[in-house]
Amino acid sequence: MEQLLFITTNPKILTQCQRALDGSNQWVYVQRMAYGRHKSRVIGRVKVARFDEEELRVWFENWEDYDAAPAPAFGGSTFANFPE
């Protein structure tokens, strides 16, 4: 499985990633969206390493493979609650 190094995102997700980094050190779950015959899956979890507010870019570290169906509330580009 390939590891995600960074994303370019929108202000809402950037703010959520900032919160995950600033003080809470939370895991961020990575969802692969549905494509062709492949259903949407949560494929990994990462820690936020740093971010750039101007470019709306977030870098990650500590990739861990993960395989789960997204929670029904996950929908689109939002965070979901997953058991640790």
PDB file of N, CA and C in Angstrom:
ATOM      1  N   MET A   1       0.848  -1.173   0.000  1.00  0.00           N
ATOM      2  CA  MET A   1       0.000   0.000   0.000  1.00  0.00           C
ATOM      3  C   MET A   1       0.895   1.238   0.000  1.00  0.00           C
ATOM      4  N   GLU A   2       0.589   2.194  -0.863  1.00  0.00           N
ATOM      5  CA  GLU A   2       1.358   3.427  -0.906  1.00  0.00           C
ATOM      6  C   GLU A   2       0.975   4.311   0.269  1.00  0.00           C
ATOM      7  N   GLN A   3       1.918   5.161   0.665  1.00  0.00           N
ATOM      8  CA  GLN A   3       1.681   6.049   1.790  1.00  0.00           C
ATOM      9  C   GLN A   3       1.428   7.469   1.300  1.00  0.00           C
ATOM     10  N   LEU A   4       0.456   8.100   1.913  1.00  0.00           N
ATOM     11  CA  LEU A   4       0.126   9.475   1.582  1.00  0.00           C
ATOM     12  C   LEU A   4       1.126  10.409   2.257  1.00  0.00           C
ATOM     13  N   LEU A   5       1.778  11.277   1.483  1.00  0.00           N
ATOM     14  CA  LEU A   5       2.751  12.217   2.038  1.00  0.00           C
ATOM     15  C   LEU A   5       2.125  13.571   2.332  1.00  0.00           C
ATOM     16  N   PHE A   6       1.273  14.056   1.439  1.00  0.00           N
ATOM     17  CA  PHE A   6       0.612  15.335   1.661  1.00  0.00           C
ATOM     18  C   PHE A   6      -0.658  15.420   0.826  1.00  0.00           C
ATOM     19  N   ILE A   7      -1.500  16.404   1.166  1.00  0.00           N
ATOM     20  CA  ILE A   7      -2.686  16.706   0.379  1.00  0.00           C
ATOM     21  C   ILE A   7      -2.751  18.218   0.178  1.00  0.00           C
ATOM     22  N   THR A   8      -3.401  18.619  -0.890  1.00  0.00           N
ATOM     23  CA  THR A   8      -3.835  19.998  -1.069  1.00  0.00           C
ATOM     24  C   THR A   8      -5.334  19.953  -0.842  1.00  0.00           C
ATOM     25  N   THR A   9      -5.841  20.817   0.016  1.00  0.00           N
ATOM     26  CA  THR A   9      -7.203  20.662   0.489  1.00  0.00           C
ATOM     27  C   THR A   9      -7.954  21.983   0.503  1.00  0.00           C
ATOM     28  N   ASN A  10      -9.053  22.019   1.187  1.00  0.00           N
ATOM     29  CA  ASN A  10      -9.847  23.242   1.310  1.00  0.00           C
ATOM     30  C   ASN A  10      -9.678  23.814   2.728  1.00  0.00           C
ATOM     31  N   PRO A  11     -10.128  25.044   2.966  1.00  0.00           N
ATOM     32  CA  PRO A  11      -9.935  25.659   4.289  1.00  0.00           C
ATOM     33  C   PRO A  11     -10.550  24.861   5.440  1.00  0.00           C
ATOM     34  N   LYS A  12     -11.688  24.225   5.220  1.00  0.00           N
ATOM     35  CA  LYS A  12     -12.339  23.459   6.286  1.00  0.00           C
ATOM     36  C   LYS A  12     -11.462  22.283   6.736  1.00  0.00           C
ATOM     37  N   ILE A  13     -10.962  21.499   5.791  1.00  0.00           N
ATOM     38  CA  ILE A  13     -10.123  20.345   6.129  1.00  0.00           C
ATOM     39  C   ILE A  13      -8.789  20.809   6.698  1.00  0.00           C
ATOM     40  N   LEU A  14      -8.241  21.902   6.158  1.00  0.00           N
ATOM     41  CA  LEU A  14      -6.988  22.440   6.705  1.00  0.00           C
ATOM     42  C   LEU A  14      -7.159  22.787   8.180  1.00  0.00           C
ATOM     43  N   THR A  15      -8.263  23.429   8.526  1.00  0.00           N
ATOM     44  CA  THR A  15      -8.532  23.780   9.930  1.00  0.00           C
ATOM     45  C   THR A  15      -8.632  22.527  10.793  1.00  0.00           C
ATOM     46  N   GLN A  16      -9.283  21.489  10.303  1.00  0.00           N
ATOM     47  CA  GLN A  16      -9.388  20.238  11.062  1.00  0.00           C
ATOM     48  C   GLN A  16      -8.015  19.604  11.249  1.00  0.00           C
ATOM     49  N   CYS A  17      -7.178  19.676  10.225  1.00  0.00           N
ATOM     50  CA  CYS A  17      -5.822  19.129  10.343  1.00  0.00           C
ATOM     51  C   CYS A  17      -4.978  19.957  11.312  1.00  0.00           C
ATOM     52  N   GLN A  18      -5.168  21.265  11.314  1.00  0.00           N
ATOM     53  CA  GLN A  18      -4.465  22.120  12.274  1.00  0.00           C
ATOM     54  C   GLN A  18      -4.823  21.705  13.698  1.00  0.00           C
ATOM     55  N   ARG A  19      -6.102  21.463  13.946  1.00  0.00           N
ATOM     56  CA  ARG A  19      -6.553  21.025  15.275  1.00  0.00           C
ATOM     57  C   ARG A  19      -5.958  19.676  15.648  1.00  0.00           C
ATOM     58  N   ALA A  20      -5.846  18.783  14.656  1.00  0.00           N
ATOM     59  CA  ALA A  20      -5.280  17.460  14.923  1.00  0.00           C
ATOM     60  C   ALA A  20      -3.809  17.564  15.317  1.00  0.00           C
ATOM     61  N   LEU A  21      -3.123  18.572  14.818  1.00  0.00           N
ATOM     62  CA  LEU A  21      -1.709  18.774  15.130  1.00  0.00           C
ATOM     63  C   LEU A  21      -1.521  19.590  16.406  1.00  0.00           C
ATOM     64  N   ASP A  22      -2.259  20.658  16.558  1.00  0.00           N
ATOM     65  CA  ASP A  22      -2.072  21.606  17.660  1.00  0.00           C
ATOM     66  C   ASP A  22      -2.567  21.063  18.991  1.00  0.00           C
ATOM     67  N   GLY A  23      -1.676  20.440  19.728  1.00  0.00           N
ATOM     68  CA  GLY A  23      -1.986  20.039  21.088  1.00  0.00           C
ATOM     69  C   GLY A  23      -2.653  18.705  21.267  1.00  0.00           C
ATOM     70  N   SER A  24      -3.409  18.246  20.286  1.00  0.00           N
ATOM     71  CA  SER A  24      -4.157  17.013  20.502  1.00  0.00           C
ATOM     72  C   SER A  24      -3.478  15.783  19.905  1.00  0.00           C
ATOM     73  N   ASN A  25      -2.600  15.998  18.911  1.00  0.00           N
ATOM     74  CA  ASN A  25      -1.865  14.890  18.302  1.00  0.00           C
ATOM     75  C   ASN A  25      -2.790  13.752  17.874  1.00  0.00           C
ATOM     76  N   GLN A  26      -3.910  14.080  17.261  1.00  0.00           N
ATOM     77  CA  GLN A  26      -4.915  13.098  16.852  1.00  0.00           C
ATOM     78  C   GLN A  26      -4.524  12.404  15.546  1.00  0.00           C
ATOM     79  N   TRP A  27      -5.053  11.201  15.375  1.00  0.00           N
ATOM     80  CA  TRP A  27      -4.929  10.506  14.093  1.00  0.00           C
ATOM     81  C   TRP A  27      -5.881  11.160  13.097  1.00  0.00           C
ATOM     82  N   VAL A  28      -5.470  11.203  11.849  1.00  0.00           N
ATOM     83  CA  VAL A  28      -6.307  11.646  10.741  1.00  0.00           C
ATOM     84  C   VAL A  28      -6.499  10.424   9.850  1.00  0.00           C
ATOM     85  N   TYR A  29      -7.738  10.114   9.536  1.00  0.00           N
ATOM     86  CA  TYR A  29      -8.042   8.942   8.715  1.00  0.00           C
ATOM     87  C   TYR A  29      -8.151   9.345   7.252  1.00  0.00           C
ATOM     88  N   VAL A  30      -7.609   8.511   6.369  1.00  0.00           N
ATOM     89  CA  VAL A  30      -7.532   8.802   4.942  1.00  0.00           C
ATOM     90  C   VAL A  30      -8.544   7.933   4.208  1.00  0.00           C
ATOM     91  N   GLN A  31      -9.442   8.592   3.490  1.00  0.00           N
ATOM     92  CA  GLN A  31     -10.470   7.874   2.745  1.00  0.00           C
ATOM     93  C   GLN A  31     -10.144   7.901   1.263  1.00  0.00           C
ATOM     94  N   ARG A  32     -10.164   6.714   0.645  1.00  0.00           N
ATOM     95  CA  ARG A  32     -10.089   6.617  -0.812  1.00  0.00           C
ATOM     96  C   ARG A  32     -11.525   6.646  -1.306  1.00  0.00           C
ATOM     97  N   MET A  33     -11.853   7.597  -2.119  1.00  0.00           N
ATOM     98  CA  MET A  33     -13.219   7.743  -2.604  1.00  0.00           C
ATOM     99  C   MET A  33     -13.564   6.619  -3.580  1.00  0.00           C
ATOM    100  N   ALA A  34     -14.851   6.380  -3.784  1.00  0.00           N
ATOM    101  CA  ALA A  34     -15.304   5.362  -4.727  1.00  0.00           C
ATOM    102  C   ALA A  34     -14.825   5.720  -6.134  1.00  0.00           C
ATOM    103  N   TYR A  35     -14.400   4.696  -6.862  1.00  0.00           N
ATOM    104  CA  TYR A  35     -13.930   4.893  -8.224  1.00  0.00           C
ATOM    105  C   TYR A  35     -14.187   3.619  -9.005  1.00  0.00           C
ATOM    106  N   GLY A  36     -14.929   3.740 -10.101  1.00  0.00           N
ATOM    107  CA  GLY A  36     -15.234   2.559 -10.901  1.00  0.00           C
ATOM    108  C   GLY A  36     -15.948   1.510 -10.063  1.00  0.00           C
ATOM    109  N   ARG A  37     -15.422   0.291 -10.062  1.00  0.00           N
ATOM    110  CA  ARG A  37     -16.044  -0.795  -9.299  1.00  0.00           C
ATOM    111  C   ARG A  37     -15.581  -0.836  -7.850  1.00  0.00           C
ATOM    112  N   HIS A  38     -14.654   0.054  -7.469  1.00  0.00           N
ATOM    113  CA  HIS A  38     -14.123   0.073  -6.108  1.00  0.00           C
ATOM    114  C   HIS A  38     -14.955   0.980  -5.213  1.00  0.00           C
ATOM    115  N   LYS A  39     -15.399   0.433  -4.099  1.00  0.00           N
ATOM    116  CA  LYS A  39     -16.171   1.213  -3.142  1.00  0.00           C
ATOM    117  C   LYS A  39     -15.244   2.090  -2.319  1.00  0.00           C
ATOM    118  N   SER A  40     -15.817   3.104  -1.708  1.00  0.00           N
ATOM    119  CA  SER A  40     -15.057   3.981  -0.837  1.00  0.00           C
ATOM    120  C   SER A  40     -14.545   3.202   0.374  1.00  0.00           C
ATOM    121  N   ARG A  41     -13.280   3.447   0.763  1.00  0.00           N
ATOM    122  CA  ARG A  41     -12.667   2.768   1.907  1.00  0.00           C
ATOM    123  C   ARG A  41     -11.801   3.745   2.676  1.00  0.00           C
ATOM    124  N   VAL A  42     -11.719   3.553   3.969  1.00  0.00           N
ATOM    125  CA  VAL A  42     -10.737   4.247   4.784  1.00  0.00           C
ATOM    126  C   VAL A  42      -9.498   3.375   4.726  1.00  0.00           C
ATOM    127  N   ILE A  43      -8.415   3.897   4.127  1.00  0.00           N
ATOM    128  CA  ILE A  43      -7.266   3.057   3.801  1.00  0.00           C
ATOM    129  C   ILE A  43      -6.056   3.255   4.705  1.00  0.00           C
ATOM    130  N   GLY A  44      -6.088   4.283   5.515  1.00  0.00           N
ATOM    131  CA  GLY A  44      -4.943   4.512   6.381  1.00  0.00           C
ATOM    132  C   GLY A  44      -5.231   5.586   7.403  1.00  0.00           C
ATOM    133  N   ARG A  45      -4.302   5.702   8.339  1.00  0.00           N
ATOM    134  CA  ARG A  45      -4.374   6.812   9.271  1.00  0.00           C
ATOM    135  C   ARG A  45      -2.970   7.385   9.417  1.00  0.00           C
ATOM    136  N   VAL A  46      -2.913   8.685   9.654  1.00  0.00           N
ATOM    137  CA  VAL A  46      -1.657   9.419   9.683  1.00  0.00           C
ATOM    138  C   VAL A  46      -1.686  10.442  10.809  1.00  0.00           C
ATOM    139  N   LYS A  47      -0.507  10.969  11.103  1.00  0.00           N
ATOM    140  CA  LYS A  47      -0.389  12.125  11.989  1.00  0.00           C
ATOM    141  C   LYS A  47      -0.045  13.324  11.112  1.00  0.00           C
ATOM    142  N   VAL A  48      -0.580  14.476  11.449  1.00  0.00           N
ATOM    143  CA  VAL A  48      -0.250  15.698  10.718  1.00  0.00           C
ATOM    144  C   VAL A  48       1.147  16.127  11.142  1.00  0.00           C
ATOM    145  N   ALA A  49       2.023  16.351  10.165  1.00  0.00           N
ATOM    146  CA  ALA A  49       3.400  16.771  10.433  1.00  0.00           C
ATOM    147  C   ALA A  49       3.521  18.298  10.404  1.00  0.00           C
ATOM    148  N   ARG A  50       2.902  18.908   9.393  1.00  0.00           N
ATOM    149  CA  ARG A  50       2.949  20.363   9.249  1.00  0.00           C
ATOM    150  C   ARG A  50       1.916  20.773   8.211  1.00  0.00           C
ATOM    151  N   PHE A  51       1.701  22.071   8.100  1.00  0.00           N
ATOM    152  CA  PHE A  51       0.744  22.561   7.120  1.00  0.00           C
ATOM    153  C   PHE A  51       1.183  23.926   6.612  1.00  0.00           C
ATOM    154  N   ASP A  52       0.651  24.304   5.455  1.00  0.00           N
ATOM    155  CA  ASP A  52       0.917  25.596   4.840  1.00  0.00           C
ATOM    156  C   ASP A  52      -0.440  26.223   4.541  1.00  0.00           C
ATOM    157  N   GLU A  53      -0.782  27.271   5.284  1.00  0.00           N
ATOM    158  CA  GLU A  53      -2.095  27.907   5.121  1.00  0.00           C
ATOM    159  C   GLU A  53      -2.245  28.595   3.762  1.00  0.00           C
ATOM    160  N   GLU A  54      -1.168  29.148   3.237  1.00  0.00           N
ATOM    161  CA  GLU A  54      -1.257  29.838   1.941  1.00  0.00           C
ATOM    162  C   GLU A  54      -1.567  28.879   0.802  1.00  0.00           C
ATOM    163  N   GLU A  55      -0.896  27.744   0.790  1.00  0.00           N
ATOM    164  CA  GLU A  55      -1.093  26.768  -0.280  1.00  0.00           C
ATOM    165  C   GLU A  55      -2.167  25.741   0.039  1.00  0.00           C
ATOM    166  N   LEU A  56      -2.754  25.820   1.244  1.00  0.00           N
ATOM    167  CA  LEU A  56      -3.767  24.849   1.693  1.00  0.00           C
ATOM    168  C   LEU A  56      -3.225  23.427   1.563  1.00  0.00           C
ATOM    169  N   ARG A  57      -1.997  23.239   2.003  1.00  0.00           N
ATOM    170  CA  ARG A  57      -1.326  21.943   1.893  1.00  0.00           C
ATOM    171  C   ARG A  57      -1.024  21.409   3.291  1.00  0.00           C
ATOM    172  N   VAL A  58      -1.221  20.090   3.466  1.00  0.00           N
ATOM    173  CA  VAL A  58      -0.974  19.422   4.746  1.00  0.00           C
ATOM    174  C   VAL A  58      -0.053  18.234   4.495  1.00  0.00           C
ATOM    175  N   TRP A  59       1.046  18.144   5.257  1.00  0.00           N
ATOM    176  CA  TRP A  59       1.982  17.027   5.169  1.00  0.00           C
ATOM    177  C   TRP A  59       1.731  16.059   6.312  1.00  0.00           C
ATOM    178  N   PHE A  60       1.960  14.778   6.040  1.00  0.00           N
ATOM    179  CA  PHE A  60       1.677  13.733   7.019  1.00  0.00           C
ATOM    180  C   PHE A  60       2.911  12.909   7.347  1.00  0.00           C
ATOM    181  N   GLU A  61       2.832  12.179   8.455  1.00  0.00           N
ATOM    182  CA  GLU A  61       3.880  11.249   8.871  1.00  0.00           C
ATOM    183  C   GLU A  61       3.217  10.099   9.629  1.00  0.00           C
ATOM    184  N   ASN A  62       3.981   9.077   9.925  1.00  0.00           N
ATOM    185  CA  ASN A  62       3.516   7.923  10.716  1.00  0.00           C
ATOM    186  C   ASN A  62       2.328   7.202  10.095  1.00  0.00           C
ATOM    187  N   TRP A  63       2.404   6.952   8.793  1.00  0.00           N
ATOM    188  CA  TRP A  63       1.326   6.231   8.097  1.00  0.00           C
ATOM    189  C   TRP A  63       1.127   4.863   8.712  1.00  0.00           C
ATOM    190  N   GLU A  64      -0.123   4.499   8.927  1.00  0.00           N
ATOM    191  CA  GLU A  64      -0.503   3.139   9.327  1.00  0.00           C
ATOM    192  C   GLU A  64      -1.607   2.675   8.401  1.00  0.00           C
ATOM    193  N   ASP A  65      -1.425   1.485   7.813  1.00  0.00           N
ATOM    194  CA  ASP A  65      -2.484   0.917   6.972  1.00  0.00           C
ATOM    195  C   ASP A  65      -3.726   0.700   7.814  1.00  0.00           C
ATOM    196  N   TYR A  66      -4.859   0.861   7.165  1.00  0.00           N
ATOM    197  CA  TYR A  66      -6.147   0.733   7.837  1.00  0.00           C
ATOM    198  C   TYR A  66      -7.118   0.316   6.749  1.00  0.00           C
ATOM    199  N   ASP A  67      -8.080  -0.476   7.061  1.00  0.00           N
ATOM    200  CA  ASP A  67      -9.043  -0.889   6.048  1.00  0.00           C
ATOM    201  C   ASP A  67     -10.410  -0.996   6.690  1.00  0.00           C
ATOM    202  N   ALA A  68     -11.273  -0.046   6.386  1.00  0.00           N
ATOM    203  CA  ALA A  68     -12.620  -0.036   6.957  1.00  0.00           C
ATOM    204  C   ALA A  68     -13.548   0.707   6.014  1.00  0.00           C
ATOM    205  N   ALA A  69     -14.805   0.345   6.063  1.00  0.00           N
ATOM    206  CA  ALA A  69     -15.805   1.112   5.330  1.00  0.00           C
ATOM    207  C   ALA A  69     -16.018   2.423   6.068  1.00  0.00           C
ATOM    208  N   PRO A  70     -16.205   3.521   5.349  1.00  0.00           N
ATOM    209  CA  PRO A  70     -16.448   4.787   6.027  1.00  0.00           C
ATOM    210  C   PRO A  70     -17.761   4.752   6.798  1.00  0.00           C
ATOM    211  N   ALA A  71     -17.798   5.469   7.904  1.00  0.00           N
ATOM    212  CA  ALA A  71     -19.029   5.574   8.687  1.00  0.00           C
ATOM    213  C   ALA A  71     -20.085   6.289   7.840  1.00  0.00           C
ATOM    214  N   PRO A  72     -21.362   5.985   8.055  1.00  0.00           N
ATOM    215  CA  PRO A  72     -22.406   6.647   7.258  1.00  0.00           C
ATOM    216  C   PRO A  72     -22.322   8.174   7.326  1.00  0.00           C
ATOM    217  N   ALA A  73     -21.872   8.719   8.439  1.00  0.00           N
ATOM    218  CA  ALA A  73     -21.773  10.170   8.586  1.00  0.00           C
ATOM    219  C   ALA A  73     -20.518  10.727   7.920  1.00  0.00           C
ATOM    220  N   PHE A  74     -19.638   9.851   7.413  1.00  0.00           N
ATOM    221  CA  PHE A  74     -18.360  10.301   6.863  1.00  0.00           C
ATOM    222  C   PHE A  74     -18.564  11.205   5.665  1.00  0.00           C
ATOM    223  N   GLY A  75     -19.373  10.784   4.717  1.00  0.00           N
ATOM    224  CA  GLY A  75     -19.730  11.511   3.516  1.00  0.00           C
ATOM    225  C   GLY A  75     -18.820  12.625   3.047  1.00  0.00           C
ATOM    226  N   GLY A  76     -18.217  12.479   1.923  1.00  0.00           N
ATOM    227  CA  GLY A  76     -17.397  13.532   1.348  1.00  0.00           C
ATOM    228  C   GLY A  76     -16.106  13.753   2.102  1.00  0.00           C
ATOM    229  N   SER A  77     -15.746  14.985   2.277  1.00  0.00           N
ATOM    230  CA  SER A  77     -14.468  15.329   2.888  1.00  0.00           C
ATOM    231  C   SER A  77     -14.644  15.842   4.315  1.00  0.00           C
ATOM    232  N   THR A  78     -15.003  14.969   5.198  1.00  0.00           N
ATOM    233  CA  THR A  78     -15.106  15.341   6.607  1.00  0.00           C
ATOM    234  C   THR A  78     -14.449  14.259   7.435  1.00  0.00           C
ATOM    235  N   PHE A  79     -14.178  14.567   8.679  1.00  0.00           N
ATOM    236  CA  PHE A  79     -13.606  13.571   9.582  1.00  0.00           C
ATOM    237  C   PHE A  79     -14.718  12.726  10.146  1.00  0.00           C
ATOM    238  N   ALA A  80     -14.395  11.542  10.561  1.00  0.00           N
ATOM    239  CA  ALA A  80     -15.354  10.645  11.192  1.00  0.00           C
ATOM    240  C   ALA A  80     -14.727  10.118  12.478  1.00  0.00           C
ATOM    241  N   ASN A  81     -15.531   9.568  13.336  1.00  0.00           N
ATOM    242  CA  ASN A  81     -15.024   8.977  14.566  1.00  0.00           C
ATOM    243  C   ASN A  81     -14.806   7.488  14.350  1.00  0.00           C
ATOM    244  N   PHE A  82     -13.585   7.045  14.581  1.00  0.00           N
ATOM    245  CA  PHE A  82     -13.240   5.637  14.448  1.00  0.00           C
ATOM    246  C   PHE A  82     -12.692   5.145  15.758  1.00  0.00           C
ATOM    247  N   PRO A  83     -12.974   3.905  16.111  1.00  0.00           N
ATOM    248  CA  PRO A  83     -12.381   3.358  17.337  1.00  0.00           C
ATOM    249  C   PRO A  83     -10.884   3.222  17.182  1.00  0.00           C
ATOM    250  N   GLU A  84     -10.165   3.426  18.252  1.00  0.00           N
ATOM    251  CA  GLU A  84      -8.705   3.269  18.223  1.00  0.00           C
ATOM    252  C   GLU A  84      -8.353   1.812  18.375  1.00  0.00           C
TER     253      GLU A  84
END
